[in-house]
C-alpha atoms as a PDB file:
ATOM      1  CA  MET A   1     -45.416  89.822  73.208  1.00  0.00           C
ATOM      2  CA  LYS A   2     -46.850  91.102  76.457  1.00  0.00           C
ATOM      3  CA  GLN A   3     -49.207  88.715  78.284  1.00  0.00           C
ATOM      4  CA  MET A   4     -52.775  90.055  78.224  1.00  0.00           C
ATOM      5  CA  THR A   5     -54.880  90.310  81.322  1.00  0.00           C
ATOM      6  CA  ALA A   6     -58.683  90.471  81.517  1.00  0.00           C
ATOM      7  CA  ASP A   7     -58.646  94.212  82.200  1.00  0.00           C
ATOM      8  CA  MET A   8     -56.615  94.734  79.020  1.00  0.00           C
ATOM      9  CA  ALA A   9     -59.064  92.804  76.814  1.00  0.00           C
ATOM     10  CA  THR A  10     -62.080  95.095  77.255  1.00  0.00           C
ATOM     11  CA  PRO A  11     -60.445  98.228  75.762  1.00  0.00           C
ATOM     12  CA  LEU A  12     -59.353  96.145  72.768  1.00  0.00           C
ATOM     13  CA  LEU A  13     -63.008  95.468  71.964  1.00  0.00           C
ATOM     14  CA  ARG A  14     -63.654  99.198  71.756  1.00  0.00           C
ATOM     15  CA  ASP A  15     -60.513 100.007  69.746  1.00  0.00           C
ATOM     16  CA  PRO A  16     -61.580 100.488  66.101  1.00  0.00           C
ATOM     17  CA  GLU A  17     -58.037  99.650  64.984  1.00  0.00           C
ATOM     18  CA  VAL A  18     -58.236  96.116  66.437  1.00  0.00           C
ATOM     19  CA  THR A  19     -60.149  93.657  64.265  1.00  0.00           C
ATOM     20  CA  ALA A  20     -62.162  90.827  65.756  1.00  0.00           C
ATOM     21  CA  LEU A  21     -59.563  88.331  64.515  1.00  0.00           C
ATOM     22  CA  GLU A  22     -56.676  90.255  66.125  1.00  0.00           C
ATOM     23  CA  TYR A  23     -58.622  90.537  69.371  1.00  0.00           C
ATOM     24  CA  ASP A  24     -59.442  86.826  69.379  1.00  0.00           C
ATOM     25  CA  ASP A  25     -55.826  85.900  68.629  1.00  0.00           C
ATOM     26  CA  ARG A  26     -54.628  88.012  71.565  1.00  0.00           C
ATOM     27  CA  VAL A  27     -57.251  86.762  74.000  1.00  0.00           C
ATOM     28  CA  GLN A  28     -56.722  83.123  72.970  1.00  0.00           C
ATOM     29  CA  GLN A  29     -53.173  83.305  74.325  1.00  0.00           C
ATOM     30  CA  GLN A  30     -54.222  83.977  77.900  1.00  0.00           C
ATOM     31  CA  PRO A  31     -56.968  81.814  79.460  1.00  0.00           C
ATOM     32  CA  GLU A  32     -56.194  78.641  81.344  1.00  0.00           C
ATOM     33  CA  CYS A  33     -59.819  77.819  82.203  1.00  0.00           C
ATOM     34  CA  VAL A  34     -61.650  75.684  79.621  1.00  0.00           C
ATOM     35  CA  VAL A  35     -64.911  77.565  80.240  1.00  0.00           C
ATOM     36  CA  GLU A  36     -63.127  80.851  79.578  1.00  0.00           C
ATOM     37  CA  ARG A  37     -61.550  79.459  76.395  1.00  0.00           C
ATOM     38  CA  THR A  38     -64.995  78.305  75.225  1.00  0.00           C
ATOM     39  CA  ILE A  39     -66.438  81.758  75.883  1.00  0.00           C
ATOM     40  CA  ASP A  40     -63.542  83.271  73.933  1.00  0.00           C
ATOM     41  CA  VAL A  41     -64.682  81.260  70.910  1.00  0.00           C
ATOM     42  CA  ILE A  42     -68.481  81.517  71.153  1.00  0.00           C
ATOM     43  CA  GLY A  43     -69.102  84.286  73.663  1.00  0.00           C
ATOM     44  CA  GLY A  44     -69.627  87.275  71.419  1.00  0.00           C
ATOM     45  CA  LYS A  45     -73.149  88.437  70.633  1.00  0.00           C
ATOM     46  CA  TRP A  46     -72.815  87.995  66.896  1.00  0.00           C
ATOM     47  CA  THR A  47     -70.896  84.732  67.123  1.00  0.00           C
ATOM     48  CA  THR A  48     -73.598  83.113  69.226  1.00  0.00           C
ATOM     49  CA  LEU A  49     -76.326  84.326  66.872  1.00  0.00           C
ATOM     50  CA  ILE A  50     -74.402  83.110  63.809  1.00  0.00           C
ATOM     51  CA  LEU A  51     -74.115  79.686  65.428  1.00  0.00           C
ATOM     52  CA  ARG A  52     -77.839  79.738  66.261  1.00  0.00           C
ATOM     53  CA  ASP A  53     -78.694  80.369  62.606  1.00  0.00           C
ATOM     54  CA  LEU A  54     -76.254  77.805  61.223  1.00  0.00           C
ATOM     55  CA  LEU A  55     -77.647  75.124  63.541  1.00  0.00           C
ATOM     56  CA  HIS A  56     -80.707  75.217  61.263  1.00  0.00           C
ATOM     57  CA  GLY A  57     -78.639  74.448  58.176  1.00  0.00           C
ATOM     58  CA  THR A  58     -76.349  75.913  55.553  1.00  0.00           C
ATOM     59  CA  LYS A  59     -76.740  79.638  54.939  1.00  0.00           C
ATOM     60  CA  ARG A  60     -75.442  82.187  52.467  1.00  0.00           C
ATOM     61  CA  PHE A  61     -73.896  85.441  53.653  1.00  0.00           C
ATOM     62  CA  GLY A  62     -77.010  87.440  52.683  1.00  0.00           C
ATOM     63  CA  GLU A  63     -79.286  85.111  54.647  1.00  0.00           C
ATOM     64  CA  LEU A  64     -77.148  85.504  57.754  1.00  0.00           C
ATOM     65  CA  LYS A  65     -77.046  89.282  57.277  1.00  0.00           C
ATOM     66  CA  ARG A  66     -80.860  89.455  56.997  1.00  0.00           C
ATOM     67  CA  ASN A  67     -81.359  87.289  60.088  1.00  0.00           C
ATOM     68  CA  LEU A  68     -78.895  89.363  62.130  1.00  0.00           C
ATOM     69  CA  HIS A  69     -80.513  92.690  61.202  1.00  0.00           C
ATOM     70  CA  SER A  70     -78.041  95.192  62.652  1.00  0.00           C
ATOM     71  CA  VAL A  71     -74.711  93.388  62.190  1.00  0.00           C
ATOM     72  CA  SER A  72     -72.339  95.197  59.836  1.00  0.00           C
ATOM     73  CA  PRO A  73     -70.996  93.256  56.845  1.00  0.00           C
ATOM     74  CA  LYS A  74     -67.443  93.706  58.182  1.00  0.00           C
ATOM     75  CA  THR A  75     -68.330  92.275  61.600  1.00  0.00           C
ATOM     76  CA  LEU A  76     -70.187  89.363  60.037  1.00  0.00           C
ATOM     77  CA  THR A  77     -67.238  88.650  57.744  1.00  0.00           C
ATOM     78  CA  ASP A  78     -64.762  88.856  60.643  1.00  0.00           C
ATOM     79  CA  ARG A  79     -66.830  86.522  62.837  1.00  0.00           C
ATOM     80  CA  LEU A  80     -67.324  83.981  60.028  1.00  0.00           C
ATOM     81  CA  ARG A  81     -63.585  84.012  59.249  1.00  0.00           C
ATOM     82  CA  PHE A  82     -62.782  83.558  62.927  1.00  0.00           C
ATOM     83  CA  LEU A  83     -65.183  80.616  63.219  1.00  0.00           C
ATOM     84  CA  GLU A  84     -63.649  79.122  60.084  1.00  0.00           C
ATOM     85  CA  THR A  85     -60.127  79.371  61.560  1.00  0.00           C
ATOM     86  CA  LYS A  86     -61.372  77.612  64.710  1.00  0.00           C
ATOM     87  CA  GLY A  87     -62.833  74.722  62.696  1.00  0.00           C
ATOM     88  CA  ILE A  88     -66.396  75.619  63.703  1.00  0.00           C
ATOM     89  CA  VAL A  89     -67.669  76.752  60.278  1.00  0.00           C
ATOM     90  CA  THR A  90     -66.886  75.738  56.714  1.00  0.00           C
ATOM     91  CA  ARG A  91     -67.005  78.168  53.814  1.00  0.00           C
ATOM     92  CA  THR A  92     -67.809  76.699  50.407  1.00  0.00           C
ATOM     93  CA  VAL A  93     -67.337  78.818  47.281  1.00  0.00           C
ATOM     94  CA  TYR A  94     -69.113  77.657  44.132  1.00  0.00           C
ATOM     95  CA  PRO A  95     -67.573  78.654  40.777  1.00  0.00           C
ATOM     96  CA  GLU A  96     -70.683  80.364  39.432  1.00  0.00           C
ATOM     97  CA  VAL A  97     -71.515  83.813  38.147  1.00  0.00           C
ATOM     98  CA  PRO A  98     -72.362  85.527  40.379  1.00  0.00           C
ATOM     99  CA  PRO A  99     -70.238  83.630  42.921  1.00  0.00           C
ATOM    100  CA  ARG A 100     -72.161  81.674  45.526  1.00  0.00           C
ATOM    101  CA  VAL A 101     -70.674  81.206  49.005  1.00  0.00           C
ATOM    102  CA  GLU A 102     -72.288  79.048  51.664  1.00  0.00           C
ATOM    103  CA  TYR A 103     -71.497  78.642  55.337  1.00  0.00           C
ATOM    104  CA  ALA A 104     -72.217  75.538  57.392  1.00  0.00           C
ATOM    105  CA  LEU A 105     -71.246  74.139  60.755  1.00  0.00           C
ATOM    106  CA  THR A 106     -68.573  71.491  60.903  1.00  0.00           C
ATOM    107  CA  GLU A 107     -69.075  68.440  63.096  1.00  0.00           C
ATOM    108  CA  ARG A 108     -67.156  70.308  65.794  1.00  0.00           C
ATOM    109  CA  GLY A 109     -69.438  73.313  65.342  1.00  0.00           C
ATOM    110  CA  SER A 110     -72.566  71.167  65.550  1.00  0.00           C
ATOM    111  CA  GLU A 111     -71.459  70.050  69.011  1.00  0.00           C
ATOM    112  CA  LEU A 112     -72.159  73.621  70.168  1.00  0.00           C
ATOM    113  CA  GLY A 113     -75.873  73.024  69.551  1.00  0.00           C
ATOM    114  CA  ALA A 114     -76.340  71.767  73.105  1.00  0.00           C
ATOM    115  CA  ILE A 115     -74.938  75.040  74.482  1.00  0.00           C
ATOM    116  CA  ILE A 116     -77.142  77.180  72.232  1.00  0.00           C
ATOM    117  CA  ASP A 117     -80.200  75.037  73.113  1.00  0.00           C
ATOM    118  CA  ALA A 118     -79.456  75.418  76.831  1.00  0.00           C
ATOM    119  CA  MET A 119     -79.182  79.187  76.389  1.00  0.00           C
ATOM    120  CA  ALA A 120     -82.541  79.252  74.573  1.00  0.00           C
ATOM    121  CA  GLU A 121     -84.213  77.200  77.305  1.00  0.00           C
ATOM    122  CA  TRP A 122     -82.769  79.414  80.043  1.00  0.00           C
ATOM    123  CA  GLY A 123     -83.878  82.538  78.166  1.00  0.00           C
ATOM    124  CA  ALA A 124     -87.404  81.193  77.721  1.00  0.00           C
ATOM    125  CA  ARG A 125     -87.690  80.530  81.470  1.00  0.00           C
ATOM    126  CA  ASN A 126     -85.939  83.615  82.821  1.00  0.00           C
ATOM    127  CA  THR A 127     -86.428  86.565  80.519  1.00  0.00           C
END
């Protein structure tokens, strides 16, 4: 597989044929900087907002969708699956009718609270 460079990553985001998971898998292979690798995991608009909501507790898909007004169901699903593969979010399915699925932060995911809090503080002071 060809090594990706930063200038190659941006067009992938705009390519409707490349899912968020495929993009993240490709980008994850390239960065050597730990800050860049962190941004690759939490840097997307929807990912950061999902984390913000889950820091306040367990949420169902519909709750997240309502809180993130304009996110598409596909994007929300892709981001949640990605976060689950990274060990940031857990997905619990309850055997009920209708099925109930809840998302929560793992211990590893909860550690990101300090980053989200710092972003909120910076935003309050500077925007």
